[in-house]
Amino acid sequence: MKELVEVIAKALVDNPDEVTVTETENGRTIVLELSVAPSDMGKVIGKQGRIAKAIRSVVKAASTREDKKVVVEIVQ
């Protein structure tokens, strides 16, 4: 899952070198924290959060294979 979020985010931003994804696991829940450059924050979130919602939807669909709940958080 971490690699999936990383690939999607790097395709969206102007500074792909500053994209980092950290993964923490709590039982059946995986938390992915996506961090990008401050200038790229709007590109990852999108208008009214549409791109962030789309990223979460793709990750949720991919996580059904592993029978785990995945939460994507966008942090600064």
PDB file of N, CA and C in Angstrom:
ATOM      1  N   MET A   1       0.816  -1.200   0.000  1.00  0.00           N
ATOM      2  CA  MET A   1       0.000   0.000   0.000  1.00  0.00           C
ATOM      3  C   MET A   1       0.858   1.262   0.000  1.00  0.00           C
ATOM      4  N   LYS A   2       1.939   1.227   0.751  1.00  0.00           N
ATOM      5  CA  LYS A   2       2.810   2.394   0.855  1.00  0.00           C
ATOM      6  C   LYS A   2       3.331   2.797  -0.525  1.00  0.00           C
ATOM      7  N   GLU A   3       3.735   1.816  -1.317  1.00  0.00           N
ATOM      8  CA  GLU A   3       4.281   2.099  -2.637  1.00  0.00           C
ATOM      9  C   GLU A   3       3.214   2.672  -3.559  1.00  0.00           C
ATOM     10  N   LEU A   4       1.998   2.187  -3.445  1.00  0.00           N
ATOM     11  CA  LEU A   4       0.895   2.673  -4.271  1.00  0.00           C
ATOM     12  C   LEU A   4       0.642   4.165  -4.025  1.00  0.00           C
ATOM     13  N   VAL A   5       0.554   4.558  -2.770  1.00  0.00           N
ATOM     14  CA  VAL A   5       0.327   5.962  -2.424  1.00  0.00           C
ATOM     15  C   VAL A   5       1.501   6.817  -2.898  1.00  0.00           C
ATOM     16  N   GLU A   6       2.705   6.281  -2.742  1.00  0.00           N
ATOM     17  CA  GLU A   6       3.898   7.020  -3.145  1.00  0.00           C
ATOM     18  C   GLU A   6       3.919   7.271  -4.656  1.00  0.00           C
ATOM     19  N   VAL A   7       3.594   6.264  -5.448  1.00  0.00           N
ATOM     20  CA  VAL A   7       3.586   6.403  -6.907  1.00  0.00           C
ATOM     21  C   VAL A   7       2.529   7.412  -7.352  1.00  0.00           C
ATOM     22  N   ILE A   8       1.337   7.337  -6.763  1.00  0.00           N
ATOM     23  CA  ILE A   8       0.263   8.265  -7.120  1.00  0.00           C
ATOM     24  C   ILE A   8       0.662   9.697  -6.775  1.00  0.00           C
ATOM     25  N   ALA A   9       1.190   9.893  -5.577  1.00  0.00           N
ATOM     26  CA  ALA A   9       1.550  11.243  -5.131  1.00  0.00           C
ATOM     27  C   ALA A   9       2.680  11.823  -5.978  1.00  0.00           C
ATOM     28  N   LYS A  10       3.671  11.021  -6.312  1.00  0.00           N
ATOM     29  CA  LYS A  10       4.794  11.521  -7.105  1.00  0.00           C
ATOM     30  C   LYS A  10       4.354  11.930  -8.502  1.00  0.00           C
ATOM     31  N   ALA A  11       3.323  11.286  -9.020  1.00  0.00           N
ATOM     32  CA  ALA A  11       2.812  11.645 -10.345  1.00  0.00           C
ATOM     33  C   ALA A  11       2.064  12.977 -10.318  1.00  0.00           C
ATOM     34  N   LEU A  12       1.564  13.378  -9.161  1.00  0.00           N
ATOM     35  CA  LEU A  12       0.758  14.584  -9.064  1.00  0.00           C
ATOM     36  C   LEU A  12       1.564  15.855  -8.775  1.00  0.00           C
ATOM     37  N   VAL A  13       2.680  15.738  -8.089  1.00  0.00           N
ATOM     38  CA  VAL A  13       3.377  16.918  -7.565  1.00  0.00           C
ATOM     39  C   VAL A  13       4.500  17.402  -8.473  1.00  0.00           C
ATOM     40  N   ASP A  14       4.978  18.619  -8.198  1.00  0.00           N
ATOM     41  CA  ASP A  14       6.105  19.197  -8.933  1.00  0.00           C
ATOM     42  C   ASP A  14       7.443  18.774  -8.331  1.00  0.00           C
ATOM     43  N   ASN A  15       7.454  18.449  -7.043  1.00  0.00           N
ATOM     44  CA  ASN A  15       8.686  18.051  -6.347  1.00  0.00           C
ATOM     45  C   ASN A  15       8.564  16.603  -5.856  1.00  0.00           C
ATOM     46  N   PRO A  16       8.724  15.623  -6.749  1.00  0.00           N
ATOM     47  CA  PRO A  16       8.536  14.233  -6.332  1.00  0.00           C
ATOM     48  C   PRO A  16       9.575  13.738  -5.327  1.00  0.00           C
ATOM     49  N   ASP A  17      10.713  14.440  -5.229  1.00  0.00           N
ATOM     50  CA  ASP A  17      11.745  14.027  -4.268  1.00  0.00           C
ATOM     51  C   ASP A  17      11.315  14.276  -2.829  1.00  0.00           C
ATOM     52  N   GLU A  18      10.374  15.183  -2.628  1.00  0.00           N
ATOM     53  CA  GLU A  18       9.948  15.526  -1.274  1.00  0.00           C
ATOM     54  C   GLU A  18       8.729  14.735  -0.799  1.00  0.00           C
ATOM     55  N   VAL A  19       8.295  13.760  -1.585  1.00  0.00           N
ATOM     56  CA  VAL A  19       7.158  12.932  -1.192  1.00  0.00           C
ATOM     57  C   VAL A  19       7.653  11.827  -0.271  1.00  0.00           C
ATOM     58  N   THR A  20       7.045  11.739   0.920  1.00  0.00           N
ATOM     59  CA  THR A  20       7.370  10.645   1.838  1.00  0.00           C
ATOM     60  C   THR A  20       6.075  10.036   2.351  1.00  0.00           C
ATOM     61  N   VAL A  21       6.105   8.722   2.512  1.00  0.00           N
ATOM     62  CA  VAL A  21       4.958   7.999   3.040  1.00  0.00           C
ATOM     63  C   VAL A  21       5.458   7.138   4.189  1.00  0.00           C
ATOM     64  N   THR A  22       4.861   7.320   5.363  1.00  0.00           N
ATOM     65  CA  THR A  22       5.208   6.485   6.514  1.00  0.00           C
ATOM     66  C   THR A  22       4.037   5.576   6.822  1.00  0.00           C
ATOM     67  N   GLU A  23       4.363   4.351   7.194  1.00  0.00           N
ATOM     68  CA  GLU A  23       3.338   3.338   7.426  1.00  0.00           C
ATOM     69  C   GLU A  23       3.432   2.847   8.863  1.00  0.00           C
ATOM     70  N   THR A  24       2.299   2.880   9.564  1.00  0.00           N
ATOM     71  CA  THR A  24       2.225   2.303  10.905  1.00  0.00           C
ATOM     72  C   THR A  24       1.048   1.339  10.933  1.00  0.00           C
ATOM     73  N   GLU A  25       1.244   0.230  11.633  1.00  0.00           N
ATOM     74  CA  GLU A  25       0.212  -0.799  11.659  1.00  0.00           C
ATOM     75  C   GLU A  25      -0.266  -1.019  13.092  1.00  0.00           C
ATOM     76  N   ASN A  26      -1.590  -0.989  13.258  1.00  0.00           N
ATOM     77  CA  ASN A  26      -2.216  -1.237  14.552  1.00  0.00           C
ATOM     78  C   ASN A  26      -3.225  -2.361  14.379  1.00  0.00           C
ATOM     79  N   GLY A  27      -2.785  -3.582  14.568  1.00  0.00           N
ATOM     80  CA  GLY A  27      -3.696  -4.712  14.395  1.00  0.00           C
ATOM     81  C   GLY A  27      -4.079  -4.866  12.939  1.00  0.00           C
ATOM     82  N   ARG A  28      -5.373  -4.718  12.638  1.00  0.00           N
ATOM     83  CA  ARG A  28      -5.851  -4.851  11.261  1.00  0.00           C
ATOM     84  C   ARG A  28      -5.934  -3.516  10.544  1.00  0.00           C
ATOM     85  N   THR A  29      -5.503  -2.440  11.192  1.00  0.00           N
ATOM     86  CA  THR A  29      -5.564  -1.101  10.590  1.00  0.00           C
ATOM     87  C   THR A  29      -4.161  -0.628  10.238  1.00  0.00           C
ATOM     88  N   ILE A  30      -4.005  -0.164   9.015  1.00  0.00           N
ATOM     89  CA  ILE A  30      -2.739   0.406   8.564  1.00  0.00           C
ATOM     90  C   ILE A  30      -2.965   1.896   8.340  1.00  0.00           C
ATOM     91  N   VAL A  31      -2.106   2.722   8.921  1.00  0.00           N
ATOM     92  CA  VAL A  31      -2.194   4.170   8.749  1.00  0.00           C
ATOM     93  C   VAL A  31      -1.031   4.608   7.870  1.00  0.00           C
ATOM     94  N   LEU A  32      -1.352   5.234   6.747  1.00  0.00           N
ATOM     95  CA  LEU A  32      -0.349   5.769   5.829  1.00  0.00           C
ATOM     96  C   LEU A  32      -0.376   7.283   5.925  1.00  0.00           C
ATOM     97  N   GLU A  33       0.762   7.876   6.282  1.00  0.00           N
ATOM     98  CA  GLU A  33       0.855   9.324   6.388  1.00  0.00           C
ATOM     99  C   GLU A  33       1.629   9.846   5.185  1.00  0.00           C
ATOM    100  N   LEU A  34       0.955  10.618   4.341  1.00  0.00           N
ATOM    101  CA  LEU A  34       1.551  11.185   3.135  1.00  0.00           C
ATOM    102  C   LEU A  34       2.010  12.605   3.423  1.00  0.00           C
ATOM    103  N   SER A  35       3.268  12.873   3.148  1.00  0.00           N
ATOM    104  CA  SER A  35       3.824  14.204   3.352  1.00  0.00           C
ATOM    105  C   SER A  35       4.427  14.687   2.038  1.00  0.00           C
ATOM    106  N   VAL A  36       4.074  15.907   1.639  1.00  0.00           N
ATOM    107  CA  VAL A  36       4.610  16.506   0.411  1.00  0.00           C
ATOM    108  C   VAL A  36       5.120  17.905   0.731  1.00  0.00           C
ATOM    109  N   ALA A  37       5.762  18.523  -0.252  1.00  0.00           N
ATOM    110  CA  ALA A  37       6.239  19.897  -0.080  1.00  0.00           C
ATOM    111  C   ALA A  37       5.039  20.820   0.112  1.00  0.00           C
ATOM    112  N   PRO A  38       5.188  21.871   0.912  1.00  0.00           N
ATOM    113  CA  PRO A  38       4.070  22.794   1.141  1.00  0.00           C
ATOM    114  C   PRO A  38       3.483  23.374  -0.142  1.00  0.00           C
ATOM    115  N   SER A  39       4.302  23.588  -1.146  1.00  0.00           N
ATOM    116  CA  SER A  39       3.796  24.142  -2.406  1.00  0.00           C
ATOM    117  C   SER A  39       2.970  23.127  -3.195  1.00  0.00           C
ATOM    118  N   ASP A  40       3.132  21.851  -2.903  1.00  0.00           N
ATOM    119  CA  ASP A  40       2.402  20.793  -3.603  1.00  0.00           C
ATOM    120  C   ASP A  40       1.173  20.301  -2.847  1.00  0.00           C
ATOM    121  N   MET A  41       0.923  20.849  -1.685  1.00  0.00           N
ATOM    122  CA  MET A  41      -0.184  20.372  -0.852  1.00  0.00           C
ATOM    123  C   MET A  41      -1.526  20.494  -1.584  1.00  0.00           C
ATOM    124  N   GLY A  42      -1.741  21.584  -2.275  1.00  0.00           N
ATOM    125  CA  GLY A  42      -2.996  21.788  -2.994  1.00  0.00           C
ATOM    126  C   GLY A  42      -3.194  20.797  -4.126  1.00  0.00           C
ATOM    127  N   LYS A  43      -2.100  20.376  -4.743  1.00  0.00           N
ATOM    128  CA  LYS A  43      -2.206  19.417  -5.841  1.00  0.00           C
ATOM    129  C   LYS A  43      -2.602  18.034  -5.340  1.00  0.00           C
ATOM    130  N   VAL A  44      -2.191  17.693  -4.146  1.00  0.00           N
ATOM    131  CA  VAL A  44      -2.513  16.377  -3.584  1.00  0.00           C
ATOM    132  C   VAL A  44      -3.930  16.372  -3.022  1.00  0.00           C
ATOM    133  N   ILE A  45      -4.369  17.497  -2.479  1.00  0.00           N
ATOM    134  CA  ILE A  45      -5.712  17.570  -1.902  1.00  0.00           C
ATOM    135  C   ILE A  45      -6.753  17.813  -2.995  1.00  0.00           C
ATOM    136  N   GLY A  46      -6.485  18.732  -3.895  1.00  0.00           N
ATOM    137  CA  GLY A  46      -7.419  19.024  -4.984  1.00  0.00           C
ATOM    138  C   GLY A  46      -8.551  19.923  -4.545  1.00  0.00           C
ATOM    139  N   LYS A  47      -9.350  20.352  -5.507  1.00  0.00           N
ATOM    140  CA  LYS A  47     -10.486  21.213  -5.196  1.00  0.00           C
ATOM    141  C   LYS A  47     -11.510  20.440  -4.390  1.00  0.00           C
ATOM    142  N   GLN A  48     -11.866  20.996  -3.266  1.00  0.00           N
ATOM    143  CA  GLN A  48     -12.845  20.406  -2.346  1.00  0.00           C
ATOM    144  C   GLN A  48     -12.448  18.991  -1.925  1.00  0.00           C
ATOM    145  N   GLY A  49     -11.143  18.681  -1.960  1.00  0.00           N
ATOM    146  CA  GLY A  49     -10.657  17.386  -1.501  1.00  0.00           C
ATOM    147  C   GLY A  49     -10.917  16.236  -2.447  1.00  0.00           C
ATOM    148  N   ARG A  50     -11.192  16.538  -3.696  1.00  0.00           N
ATOM    149  CA  ARG A  50     -11.544  15.467  -4.644  1.00  0.00           C
ATOM    150  C   ARG A  50     -10.386  14.520  -4.924  1.00  0.00           C
ATOM    151  N   ILE A  51      -9.178  15.041  -5.084  1.00  0.00           N
ATOM    152  CA  ILE A  51      -8.035  14.175  -5.381  1.00  0.00           C
ATOM    153  C   ILE A  51      -7.685  13.332  -4.159  1.00  0.00           C
ATOM    154  N   ALA A  52      -7.730  13.926  -2.970  1.00  0.00           N
ATOM    155  CA  ALA A  52      -7.467  13.168  -1.747  1.00  0.00           C
ATOM    156  C   ALA A  52      -8.488  12.047  -1.591  1.00  0.00           C
ATOM    157  N   LYS A  53      -9.735  12.340  -1.887  1.00  0.00           N
ATOM    158  CA  LYS A  53     -10.782  11.328  -1.797  1.00  0.00           C
ATOM    159  C   LYS A  53     -10.542  10.208  -2.808  1.00  0.00           C
ATOM    160  N   ALA A  54     -10.095  10.569  -4.011  1.00  0.00           N
ATOM    161  CA  ALA A  54      -9.812   9.564  -5.041  1.00  0.00           C
ATOM    162  C   ALA A  54      -8.645   8.673  -4.629  1.00  0.00           C
ATOM    163  N   ILE A  55      -7.605   9.264  -4.038  1.00  0.00           N
ATOM    164  CA  ILE A  55      -6.472   8.470  -3.555  1.00  0.00           C
ATOM    165  C   ILE A  55      -6.944   7.482  -2.500  1.00  0.00           C
ATOM    166  N   ARG A  56      -7.765   7.955  -1.575  1.00  0.00           N
ATOM    167  CA  ARG A  56      -8.280   7.079  -0.523  1.00  0.00           C
ATOM    168  C   ARG A  56      -9.137   5.949  -1.098  1.00  0.00           C
ATOM    169  N   SER A  57      -9.918   6.249  -2.129  1.00  0.00           N
ATOM    170  CA  SER A  57     -10.763   5.231  -2.755  1.00  0.00           C
ATOM    171  C   SER A  57      -9.928   4.149  -3.428  1.00  0.00           C
ATOM    172  N   VAL A  58      -8.876   4.546  -4.125  1.00  0.00           N
ATOM    173  CA  VAL A  58      -8.007   3.576  -4.787  1.00  0.00           C
ATOM    174  C   VAL A  58      -7.314   2.691  -3.754  1.00  0.00           C
ATOM    175  N   VAL A  59      -6.826   3.286  -2.691  1.00  0.00           N
ATOM    176  CA  VAL A  59      -6.137   2.519  -1.648  1.00  0.00           C
ATOM    177  C   VAL A  59      -7.114   1.581  -0.945  1.00  0.00           C
ATOM    178  N   LYS A  60      -8.322   2.051  -0.714  1.00  0.00           N
ATOM    179  CA  LYS A  60      -9.327   1.204  -0.065  1.00  0.00           C
ATOM    180  C   LYS A  60      -9.660  -0.002  -0.933  1.00  0.00           C
ATOM    181  N   ALA A  61      -9.783   0.215  -2.235  1.00  0.00           N
ATOM    182  CA  ALA A  61     -10.062  -0.887  -3.153  1.00  0.00           C
ATOM    183  C   ALA A  61      -8.911  -1.889  -3.164  1.00  0.00           C
ATOM    184  N   ALA A  62      -7.691  -1.398  -3.136  1.00  0.00           N
ATOM    185  CA  ALA A  62      -6.531  -2.288  -3.131  1.00  0.00           C
ATOM    186  C   ALA A  62      -6.379  -3.020  -1.802  1.00  0.00           C
ATOM    187  N   SER A  63      -6.853  -2.413  -0.715  1.00  0.00           N
ATOM    188  CA  SER A  63      -6.684  -3.031   0.608  1.00  0.00           C
ATOM    189  C   SER A  63      -7.670  -4.171   0.859  1.00  0.00           C
ATOM    190  N   THR A  64      -8.715  -4.271   0.064  1.00  0.00           N
ATOM    191  CA  THR A  64      -9.678  -5.354   0.270  1.00  0.00           C
ATOM    192  C   THR A  64      -9.045  -6.711  -0.001  1.00  0.00           C
ATOM    193  N   ARG A  65      -8.025  -6.757  -0.822  1.00  0.00           N
ATOM    194  CA  ARG A  65      -7.301  -8.002  -1.078  1.00  0.00           C
ATOM    195  C   ARG A  65      -6.660  -8.539   0.191  1.00  0.00           C
ATOM    196  N   GLU A  66      -6.091  -7.641   0.983  1.00  0.00           N
ATOM    197  CA  GLU A  66      -5.344  -8.033   2.177  1.00  0.00           C
ATOM    198  C   GLU A  66      -6.214  -8.130   3.419  1.00  0.00           C
ATOM    199  N   ASP A  67      -7.504  -7.830   3.278  1.00  0.00           N
ATOM    200  CA  ASP A  67      -8.446  -7.888   4.402  1.00  0.00           C
ATOM    201  C   ASP A  67      -7.989  -7.015   5.566  1.00  0.00           C
ATOM    202  N   LYS A  68      -7.514  -5.811   5.228  1.00  0.00           N
ATOM    203  CA  LYS A  68      -7.090  -4.850   6.245  1.00  0.00           C
ATOM    204  C   LYS A  68      -7.720  -3.511   5.937  1.00  0.00           C
ATOM    205  N   LYS A  69      -7.889  -2.705   6.983  1.00  0.00           N
ATOM    206  CA  LYS A  69      -8.398  -1.351   6.807  1.00  0.00           C
ATOM    207  C   LYS A  69      -7.206  -0.415   6.679  1.00  0.00           C
ATOM    208  N   VAL A  70      -7.232   0.405   5.639  1.00  0.00           N
ATOM    209  CA  VAL A  70      -6.141   1.344   5.396  1.00  0.00           C
ATOM    210  C   VAL A  70      -6.673   2.764   5.482  1.00  0.00           C
ATOM    211  N   VAL A  71      -5.979   3.598   6.252  1.00  0.00           N
ATOM    212  CA  VAL A  71      -6.345   5.001   6.419  1.00  0.00           C
ATOM    213  C   VAL A  71      -5.213   5.845   5.833  1.00  0.00           C
ATOM    214  N   VAL A  72      -5.555   6.757   4.927  1.00  0.00           N
ATOM    215  CA  VAL A  72      -4.565   7.653   4.334  1.00  0.00           C
ATOM    216  C   VAL A  72      -4.743   9.033   4.929  1.00  0.00           C
ATOM    217  N   GLU A  73      -3.684   9.534   5.551  1.00  0.00           N
ATOM    218  CA  GLU A  73      -3.698  10.880   6.135  1.00  0.00           C
ATOM    219  C   GLU A  73      -2.676  11.740   5.401  1.00  0.00           C
ATOM    220  N   ILE A  74      -3.080  12.948   5.070  1.00  0.00           N
ATOM    221  CA  ILE A  74      -2.169  13.889   4.423  1.00  0.00           C
ATOM    222  C   ILE A  74      -1.694  14.883   5.480  1.00  0.00           C
ATOM    223  N   VAL A  75      -0.392  14.879   5.732  1.00  0.00           N
ATOM    224  CA  VAL A  75       0.177  15.713   6.795  1.00  0.00           C
ATOM    225  C   VAL A  75       1.200  16.670   6.199  1.00  0.00           C
ATOM    226  N   GLN A  76       1.514  17.731   6.959  1.00  0.00           N
ATOM    227  CA  GLN A  76       2.526  18.689   6.500  1.00  0.00           C
ATOM    228  C   GLN A  76       3.870  18.320   7.026  1.00  0.00           C
TER     229      GLN A  76
END
